[in-house]
Amino acid sequence: MKYPKQHGFTLVELIVVMILIAILSVTALPKFLGKAGTEEITVQDQLIAVLRLMQNRAMQNTAPDACHQVLFTSTQLGSAAINPCSDTSAFSPQQQNDADQLLLSDSDIRLSLLNASSDGSELSSPLRFRFNSLGQAVTDTEPATRFHSGLRISISGAVNAAVCIESEGYIHACS
């Protein structure tokens, strides 16, 4: 009686495949499952969205009494409780969940605002600035002067990220 030839894998082939799977799982899985930096990138995207929203409002509403003031602290950025604009305006409790606010109170992430000039000096917090009708970031003083070198918001956490506001008004992620 003749037996049919059986097909299968040898023990050596099975061990080689198991070793390859182990190597891939040790090297590749942490990259797919790791969360280092995701919160910082999310904050970066939210900052860009909030700043662009406020910039668009300033370009659309050009009434002389309109105030498009941005208040910046190490844990929050957004529109201040405004109208009229003042150098003492602050965030109101109702604004903490608004679309034009970014609040980082429960996070290890901290924001710092830098002058984008060559020295990159940090600007003291809280800082207030506005967007003019051209969408440019300007000082909150009378008369408002443009930040000629732009502004840079540094995001510090597990990894570092940044958002730049160019002197012409372009808001983007930068390194």
Protein backbone atom coordinates (compact mmCIF):
# COMPACT_ATOMS: atom_id res chain seq x y z
CA MET A 1 0.00 0.00 0.00
CA LYS A 2 1.37 3.34 -1.03
CA TYR A 3 0.84 6.35 1.25
CA PRO A 4 0.27 9.80 -0.31
CA LYS A 5 3.13 12.23 0.13
CA GLN A 6 2.44 14.57 3.02
CA HIS A 7 3.15 18.28 2.71
CA GLY A 8 4.07 20.52 5.65
CA PHE A 9 6.72 22.70 7.19
CA THR A 10 9.85 21.43 8.81
CA LEU A 11 10.76 22.32 12.36
CA VAL A 12 13.60 24.56 11.13
CA GLU A 13 11.25 26.55 8.89
CA LEU A 14 8.80 27.07 11.76
CA ILE A 15 11.56 28.27 14.11
CA VAL A 16 12.91 30.72 11.49
CA VAL A 17 9.42 32.20 10.97
CA MET A 18 8.90 32.53 14.74
CA ILE A 19 12.24 34.33 15.11
CA LEU A 20 11.35 36.74 12.29
CA ILE A 21 7.97 37.50 13.89
CA ALA A 22 9.67 38.12 17.24
CA ILE A 23 12.18 40.53 15.71
CA LEU A 24 9.44 42.45 13.90
CA SER A 25 7.28 42.66 17.01
CA VAL A 26 10.15 44.02 19.09
CA THR A 27 11.16 46.67 16.55
CA ALA A 28 7.98 47.66 14.72
CA LEU A 29 5.14 47.40 17.23
CA PRO A 30 6.37 50.13 19.60
CA LYS A 31 6.40 52.53 16.65
CA PHE A 32 2.78 51.71 15.84
CA LEU A 33 1.53 51.60 19.41
CA GLY A 34 3.65 54.36 20.97
CA LYS A 35 1.97 57.63 21.88
CA ALA A 36 5.05 59.79 22.40
CA GLY A 37 4.43 63.09 20.68
CA THR A 38 0.83 62.58 19.64
CA GLU A 39 -0.49 64.99 22.27
CA GLU A 40 2.00 67.67 21.23
CA ILE A 41 1.09 67.30 17.55
CA THR A 42 -2.60 67.47 18.46
CA VAL A 43 -1.98 70.69 20.43
CA GLN A 44 -0.02 72.05 17.47
CA ASP A 45 -2.94 71.36 15.12
CA GLN A 46 -5.42 72.90 17.57
CA LEU A 47 -3.25 76.02 17.94
CA ILE A 48 -3.13 76.47 14.19
CA ALA A 49 -6.91 76.07 13.95
CA VAL A 50 -7.61 78.55 16.79
CA LEU A 51 -5.19 81.15 15.44
CA ARG A 52 -6.51 80.86 11.88
CA LEU A 53 -10.10 81.19 13.13
CA MET A 54 -9.24 84.37 15.02
CA GLN A 55 -7.26 85.68 12.05
CA ASN A 56 -10.21 85.07 9.72
CA ARG A 57 -12.56 86.88 12.09
CA ALA A 58 -10.22 89.87 12.13
CA MET A 59 -10.06 89.97 8.33
CA GLN A 60 -13.84 89.69 7.95
CA ASN A 61 -14.95 92.08 10.69
CA THR A 62 -13.02 95.29 10.08
CA ALA A 63 -15.30 97.60 12.07
CA PRO A 64 -13.31 100.23 13.99
CA ASP A 65 -14.74 99.12 17.34
CA ALA A 66 -14.08 95.39 16.72
CA CYS A 67 -11.37 93.88 18.86
CA HIS A 68 -9.68 90.65 17.82
CA GLN A 69 -7.39 90.31 20.78
CA VAL A 70 -5.51 87.08 21.44
CA LEU A 71 -4.56 86.28 25.02
CA PHE A 72 -1.64 83.94 25.53
CA THR A 73 -0.55 82.18 28.74
CA SER A 74 1.57 79.08 29.31
CA THR A 75 -1.57 76.89 29.49
CA GLN A 76 -4.15 78.72 27.38
CA LEU A 77 -4.50 80.61 24.14
CA GLY A 78 -7.59 82.19 22.66
CA SER A 79 -9.74 85.25 22.43
CA ALA A 80 -9.98 87.24 25.61
CA ALA A 81 -13.19 88.51 27.19
CA ILE A 82 -13.17 91.58 25.01
CA ASN A 83 -14.92 94.63 23.66
CA PRO A 84 -13.49 96.96 24.28
CA CYS A 85 -9.92 95.69 24.01
CA SER A 86 -7.90 96.39 27.09
CA ASP A 87 -4.50 95.56 28.47
CA THR A 88 -6.15 93.81 31.42
CA SER A 89 -8.61 91.60 29.56
CA ALA A 90 -8.67 87.98 30.66
CA PHE A 91 -10.33 84.69 29.87
CA SER A 92 -13.86 84.27 31.12
CA PRO A 93 -14.97 80.94 32.64
CA GLN A 94 -17.54 80.45 29.88
CA GLN A 95 -14.83 80.54 27.23
CA GLN A 96 -12.99 77.43 28.38
CA ASN A 97 -14.96 75.18 26.03
CA ASP A 98 -15.33 77.54 23.08
CA ALA A 99 -13.99 76.74 19.62
CA ASP A 100 -11.64 79.70 19.78
CA GLN A 101 -9.90 78.54 22.94
CA LEU A 102 -7.11 76.09 23.65
CA LEU A 103 -6.89 75.06 27.31
CA LEU A 104 -4.11 72.81 28.62
CA SER A 105 -4.86 72.77 32.36
CA ASP A 106 -4.82 68.95 32.70
CA SER A 107 -1.75 68.43 30.57
CA ASP A 108 2.01 68.30 31.04
CA ILE A 109 2.40 70.40 27.92
CA ARG A 110 3.45 74.04 28.29
CA LEU A 111 3.39 76.84 25.74
CA SER A 112 5.90 79.64 25.38
CA LEU A 113 5.71 82.58 23.01
CA LEU A 114 8.92 83.65 21.32
CA ASN A 115 9.85 86.56 19.15
CA ALA A 116 10.82 84.90 15.87
CA SER A 117 13.79 87.22 15.38
CA SER A 118 17.33 85.91 15.39
CA ASP A 119 17.65 86.13 19.18
CA GLY A 120 14.39 84.25 19.73
CA SER A 121 13.72 85.97 23.04
CA GLU A 122 10.78 84.69 25.06
CA LEU A 123 7.95 87.15 25.51
CA SER A 124 6.51 87.43 28.99
CA SER A 125 3.21 85.78 29.75
CA PRO A 126 0.37 86.74 29.76
CA LEU A 127 0.74 88.44 26.42
CA ARG A 128 -1.98 90.08 24.37
CA PHE A 129 -1.75 90.66 20.64
CA ARG A 130 -4.24 91.11 17.81
CA PHE A 131 -4.70 90.39 14.16
CA ASN A 132 -5.22 93.39 11.91
CA SER A 133 -7.51 93.52 8.88
CA LEU A 134 -4.70 92.07 6.73
CA GLY A 135 -4.36 89.06 9.04
CA GLN A 136 -1.00 90.14 10.43
CA ALA A 137 -0.14 89.74 14.11
CA VAL A 138 0.26 93.18 15.68
CA THR A 139 0.99 94.45 19.16
CA ASP A 140 -1.91 95.26 21.43
CA THR A 141 -0.80 98.85 21.95
CA GLU A 142 -1.98 102.00 20.26
CA PRO A 143 -0.91 102.36 17.51
CA ALA A 144 -0.59 98.67 16.82
CA THR A 145 2.73 97.74 15.25
CA ARG A 146 3.38 94.57 13.34
CA PHE A 147 5.73 91.91 14.69
CA HIS A 148 8.29 92.34 11.89
CA SER A 149 10.04 89.06 12.62
CA GLY A 150 6.84 87.15 13.37
CA LEU A 151 5.93 85.08 16.40
CA ARG A 152 6.73 81.52 17.37
CA ILE A 153 4.72 79.46 19.85
CA SER A 154 6.83 76.67 21.29
CA ILE A 155 5.05 73.53 22.56
CA SER A 156 7.04 71.66 25.22
CA GLY A 157 6.19 68.17 26.37
CA ALA A 158 7.49 64.67 25.65
CA VAL A 159 8.59 66.04 22.28
CA ASN A 160 8.83 69.63 21.11
CA ALA A 161 6.75 71.23 18.40
CA ALA A 162 6.10 74.80 17.29
CA VAL A 163 3.65 77.04 15.48
CA CYS A 164 4.92 80.08 13.60
CA ILE A 165 3.05 83.25 12.70
CA GLU A 166 5.01 84.93 9.93
CA SER A 167 5.10 88.72 9.73
CA GLU A 168 2.83 88.57 6.66
CA GLY A 169 0.24 86.57 8.64
CA TYR A 170 0.93 83.01 7.45
CA ILE A 171 0.27 80.58 10.34
CA HIS A 172 1.91 77.16 10.04
CA ALA A 173 3.63 74.31 11.86
CA CYS A 174 7.35 74.88 12.07
CA SER A 175 10.35 73.18 13.61
